N, C-alpha and C. Protein backbone atom coordinates (compact mmCIF):
# COMPACT_ATOMS: atom_id res chain seq x y z
N MET A 1 30.82 13.92 -10.95
CA MET A 1 29.87 14.49 -11.89
C MET A 1 30.60 14.93 -13.15
N SER A 2 30.05 14.63 -14.29
CA SER A 2 30.70 15.00 -15.54
C SER A 2 30.55 16.50 -15.80
N ALA A 3 31.49 17.03 -16.55
CA ALA A 3 31.48 18.46 -16.85
C ALA A 3 30.27 18.82 -17.70
N ILE A 4 29.72 19.99 -17.45
CA ILE A 4 28.60 20.49 -18.23
C ILE A 4 29.17 21.33 -19.36
N THR A 5 28.84 21.00 -20.60
CA THR A 5 29.27 21.81 -21.72
C THR A 5 28.04 22.32 -22.46
N ASP A 6 28.17 23.54 -22.99
CA ASP A 6 27.07 24.16 -23.71
C ASP A 6 26.96 23.52 -25.08
N GLY A 7 25.96 22.69 -25.26
CA GLY A 7 25.75 22.03 -26.55
C GLY A 7 24.31 21.57 -26.66
N PRO A 8 23.99 20.87 -27.75
CA PRO A 8 22.62 20.42 -27.99
C PRO A 8 22.05 19.55 -26.87
N GLU A 9 22.90 18.69 -26.28
CA GLU A 9 22.42 17.80 -25.22
C GLU A 9 22.00 18.61 -23.99
N LEU A 10 22.82 19.59 -23.61
CA LEU A 10 22.50 20.42 -22.45
C LEU A 10 21.23 21.22 -22.71
N ARG A 11 21.12 21.80 -23.87
CA ARG A 11 19.93 22.60 -24.19
C ARG A 11 18.67 21.74 -24.20
N ALA A 12 18.78 20.52 -24.70
CA ALA A 12 17.63 19.61 -24.70
C ALA A 12 17.24 19.25 -23.26
N ARG A 13 18.24 19.05 -22.40
CA ARG A 13 17.96 18.71 -21.01
C ARG A 13 17.31 19.89 -20.28
N ILE A 14 17.78 21.10 -20.56
CA ILE A 14 17.18 22.30 -19.97
C ILE A 14 15.72 22.42 -20.37
N LYS A 15 15.44 22.21 -21.65
CA LYS A 15 14.05 22.29 -22.15
C LYS A 15 13.18 21.26 -21.46
N GLN A 16 13.73 20.07 -21.25
CA GLN A 16 12.99 19.01 -20.57
C GLN A 16 12.65 19.43 -19.14
N VAL A 17 13.63 20.01 -18.45
CA VAL A 17 13.41 20.48 -17.07
C VAL A 17 12.34 21.56 -17.05
N ILE A 18 12.40 22.50 -17.99
CA ILE A 18 11.41 23.59 -18.06
C ILE A 18 10.00 23.01 -18.23
N VAL A 19 9.82 22.11 -19.18
CA VAL A 19 8.50 21.55 -19.47
C VAL A 19 7.99 20.73 -18.28
N GLU A 20 8.87 19.91 -17.69
CA GLU A 20 8.44 19.06 -16.58
C GLU A 20 8.14 19.86 -15.32
N ARG A 21 9.05 20.77 -14.93
CA ARG A 21 8.87 21.53 -13.69
C ARG A 21 7.66 22.45 -13.75
N LEU A 22 7.44 23.05 -14.91
CA LEU A 22 6.35 24.03 -15.04
C LEU A 22 5.08 23.40 -15.61
N LYS A 23 5.13 22.09 -15.83
CA LYS A 23 3.97 21.35 -16.35
C LYS A 23 3.37 22.04 -17.58
N LEU A 24 4.25 22.39 -18.52
CA LEU A 24 3.82 23.07 -19.74
C LEU A 24 3.17 22.07 -20.69
N GLU A 25 2.17 22.52 -21.40
CA GLU A 25 1.46 21.67 -22.36
C GLU A 25 2.13 21.80 -23.73
N MET A 26 3.38 21.39 -23.80
CA MET A 26 4.13 21.46 -25.05
C MET A 26 5.28 20.47 -25.00
N ASN A 27 5.87 20.21 -26.16
CA ASN A 27 7.04 19.36 -26.23
C ASN A 27 8.28 20.22 -26.01
N PRO A 28 9.30 19.69 -25.34
CA PRO A 28 10.53 20.46 -25.13
C PRO A 28 11.12 20.99 -26.44
N GLU A 29 10.98 20.23 -27.53
CA GLU A 29 11.56 20.63 -28.82
C GLU A 29 10.92 21.90 -29.36
N GLU A 30 9.74 22.25 -28.86
CA GLU A 30 9.03 23.45 -29.34
C GLU A 30 9.64 24.74 -28.78
N ILE A 31 10.49 24.62 -27.76
CA ILE A 31 11.10 25.80 -27.16
C ILE A 31 12.35 26.15 -27.94
N GLY A 32 12.40 27.37 -28.47
CA GLY A 32 13.57 27.81 -29.22
C GLY A 32 14.73 28.14 -28.28
N ASP A 33 15.95 27.86 -28.73
CA ASP A 33 17.13 28.13 -27.90
C ASP A 33 17.25 29.60 -27.51
N GLU A 34 16.91 30.49 -28.43
CA GLU A 34 17.07 31.93 -28.19
C GLU A 34 15.76 32.62 -27.79
N ALA A 35 14.66 31.89 -27.75
CA ALA A 35 13.36 32.49 -27.41
C ALA A 35 13.36 32.92 -25.94
N PRO A 36 12.87 34.13 -25.67
CA PRO A 36 12.80 34.59 -24.28
C PRO A 36 11.89 33.66 -23.46
N LEU A 37 12.31 33.35 -22.25
CA LEU A 37 11.50 32.49 -21.39
C LEU A 37 10.37 33.28 -20.74
N PHE A 38 10.59 34.58 -20.55
CA PHE A 38 9.59 35.43 -19.90
C PHE A 38 9.07 36.45 -20.90
N GLY A 39 7.90 37.01 -20.60
CA GLY A 39 7.33 38.03 -21.48
C GLY A 39 6.85 37.43 -22.79
N GLU A 40 7.37 37.94 -23.90
CA GLU A 40 6.91 37.55 -25.23
C GLU A 40 7.18 36.09 -25.58
N GLY A 41 8.19 35.49 -25.00
CA GLY A 41 8.55 34.11 -25.33
C GLY A 41 7.53 33.12 -24.80
N LEU A 42 7.95 32.36 -23.79
CA LEU A 42 7.05 31.37 -23.19
C LEU A 42 6.01 32.02 -22.29
N GLY A 43 6.22 33.28 -21.94
CA GLY A 43 5.25 33.97 -21.11
C GLY A 43 5.28 33.55 -19.65
N LEU A 44 6.45 33.12 -19.18
CA LEU A 44 6.56 32.72 -17.78
C LEU A 44 6.47 33.94 -16.87
N ASP A 45 6.08 33.71 -15.61
CA ASP A 45 5.99 34.80 -14.64
C ASP A 45 6.91 34.54 -13.45
N SER A 46 6.81 35.36 -12.42
CA SER A 46 7.72 35.26 -11.28
C SER A 46 7.55 33.95 -10.50
N ILE A 47 6.34 33.44 -10.45
CA ILE A 47 6.11 32.14 -9.79
C ILE A 47 6.83 31.04 -10.57
N ASP A 48 6.71 31.10 -11.90
CA ASP A 48 7.41 30.14 -12.76
C ASP A 48 8.92 30.25 -12.57
N ALA A 49 9.41 31.47 -12.42
CA ALA A 49 10.85 31.69 -12.24
C ALA A 49 11.36 30.97 -11.00
N LEU A 50 10.62 31.09 -9.91
CA LEU A 50 11.00 30.42 -8.67
C LEU A 50 11.05 28.91 -8.85
N GLU A 51 10.02 28.37 -9.46
CA GLU A 51 9.94 26.92 -9.70
C GLU A 51 11.07 26.47 -10.62
N LEU A 52 11.37 27.28 -11.63
CA LEU A 52 12.42 26.95 -12.59
C LEU A 52 13.80 26.97 -11.93
N VAL A 53 14.04 27.97 -11.08
CA VAL A 53 15.32 28.04 -10.36
C VAL A 53 15.51 26.77 -9.52
N LEU A 54 14.47 26.37 -8.81
CA LEU A 54 14.55 25.15 -8.00
C LEU A 54 14.82 23.93 -8.88
N GLY A 55 14.15 23.86 -10.01
CA GLY A 55 14.35 22.74 -10.93
C GLY A 55 15.76 22.68 -11.49
N ILE A 56 16.29 23.84 -11.87
CA ILE A 56 17.65 23.91 -12.41
C ILE A 56 18.66 23.51 -11.35
N GLU A 57 18.47 24.03 -10.13
CA GLU A 57 19.40 23.71 -9.03
C GLU A 57 19.39 22.21 -8.74
N GLN A 58 18.21 21.59 -8.75
CA GLN A 58 18.11 20.15 -8.50
C GLN A 58 18.70 19.34 -9.64
N ALA A 59 18.35 19.70 -10.87
CA ALA A 59 18.76 18.91 -12.04
C ALA A 59 20.25 19.01 -12.32
N PHE A 60 20.82 20.19 -12.09
CA PHE A 60 22.21 20.42 -12.49
C PHE A 60 23.17 20.64 -11.33
N GLY A 61 22.64 20.74 -10.11
CA GLY A 61 23.50 20.94 -8.95
C GLY A 61 24.23 22.28 -8.96
N VAL A 62 23.64 23.26 -9.62
CA VAL A 62 24.24 24.60 -9.72
C VAL A 62 23.33 25.58 -9.00
N LYS A 63 23.92 26.39 -8.15
CA LYS A 63 23.16 27.38 -7.38
C LYS A 63 23.04 28.68 -8.16
N ILE A 64 21.83 29.22 -8.23
CA ILE A 64 21.61 30.55 -8.80
C ILE A 64 21.51 31.48 -7.60
N GLU A 65 22.59 32.26 -7.39
CA GLU A 65 22.79 32.99 -6.14
C GLU A 65 21.73 34.03 -5.80
N ASP A 66 21.35 34.83 -6.76
CA ASP A 66 20.40 35.91 -6.44
C ASP A 66 19.54 36.25 -7.65
N GLU A 67 18.65 37.19 -7.42
CA GLU A 67 17.68 37.56 -8.46
C GLU A 67 18.34 38.14 -9.71
N GLU A 68 19.40 38.93 -9.52
CA GLU A 68 20.08 39.54 -10.66
C GLU A 68 20.74 38.47 -11.53
N VAL A 69 21.43 37.54 -10.89
CA VAL A 69 22.06 36.44 -11.62
C VAL A 69 20.99 35.61 -12.32
N GLY A 70 19.91 35.33 -11.61
CA GLY A 70 18.81 34.57 -12.18
C GLY A 70 18.19 35.24 -13.38
N ALA A 71 18.00 36.55 -13.29
CA ALA A 71 17.39 37.29 -14.40
C ALA A 71 18.24 37.19 -15.66
N GLN A 72 19.55 37.25 -15.50
CA GLN A 72 20.44 37.12 -16.66
C GLN A 72 20.47 35.69 -17.16
N ALA A 73 20.62 34.73 -16.25
CA ALA A 73 20.74 33.33 -16.63
C ALA A 73 19.46 32.79 -17.27
N LEU A 74 18.30 33.26 -16.80
CA LEU A 74 17.03 32.72 -17.27
C LEU A 74 16.45 33.49 -18.45
N GLY A 75 17.29 34.22 -19.16
CA GLY A 75 16.81 34.97 -20.32
C GLY A 75 16.25 34.07 -21.42
N SER A 76 16.97 32.98 -21.69
CA SER A 76 16.56 32.02 -22.72
C SER A 76 17.25 30.69 -22.42
N VAL A 77 16.91 29.68 -23.18
CA VAL A 77 17.58 28.38 -23.01
C VAL A 77 19.07 28.55 -23.28
N ALA A 78 19.42 29.34 -24.30
CA ALA A 78 20.83 29.54 -24.66
C ALA A 78 21.60 30.23 -23.52
N THR A 79 21.02 31.28 -22.92
CA THR A 79 21.73 31.97 -21.83
C THR A 79 21.84 31.06 -20.62
N LEU A 80 20.85 30.24 -20.38
CA LEU A 80 20.90 29.31 -19.26
C LEU A 80 21.96 28.24 -19.48
N ALA A 81 22.07 27.76 -20.71
CA ALA A 81 23.09 26.77 -21.05
C ALA A 81 24.49 27.36 -20.85
N ARG A 82 24.70 28.59 -21.30
CA ARG A 82 26.01 29.25 -21.12
C ARG A 82 26.31 29.45 -19.64
N PHE A 83 25.30 29.85 -18.88
CA PHE A 83 25.47 30.04 -17.43
C PHE A 83 25.90 28.73 -16.76
N LEU A 84 25.20 27.65 -17.06
CA LEU A 84 25.51 26.36 -16.45
C LEU A 84 26.91 25.88 -16.83
N ALA A 85 27.28 26.05 -18.08
CA ALA A 85 28.61 25.64 -18.53
C ALA A 85 29.68 26.48 -17.84
N ALA A 86 29.44 27.78 -17.69
CA ALA A 86 30.41 28.66 -17.02
C ALA A 86 30.54 28.32 -15.54
N LYS A 87 29.42 28.02 -14.88
CA LYS A 87 29.47 27.66 -13.46
C LYS A 87 30.26 26.38 -13.25
N GLN A 88 30.14 25.45 -14.19
CA GLN A 88 30.83 24.18 -14.08
C GLN A 88 32.35 24.36 -14.22
N THR A 89 32.76 25.23 -15.15
CA THR A 89 34.20 25.42 -15.38
C THR A 89 34.79 26.45 -14.45
N GLY A 90 33.96 27.35 -13.91
CA GLY A 90 34.46 28.44 -13.08
C GLY A 90 34.52 28.04 -11.65
């Protein structure tokens, strides 16, 4: 498996996973890198979080160990990209 690096390609792939897994009625490009995924941002809820964790784990082969790690990693596309890149190198 190739190394995951935090860049435009990774962020675009994350957005694609978010839109596909959650069946959002929007284009992946409409999601801002720094926009919150929960609350004021995309308005995702706890059910969406579960589905998103499963999607991320399947798409990237990276395990999100617990709720606390997930809460930090799933803050935005940018935080998720940094998390995935760190998991790959760490």
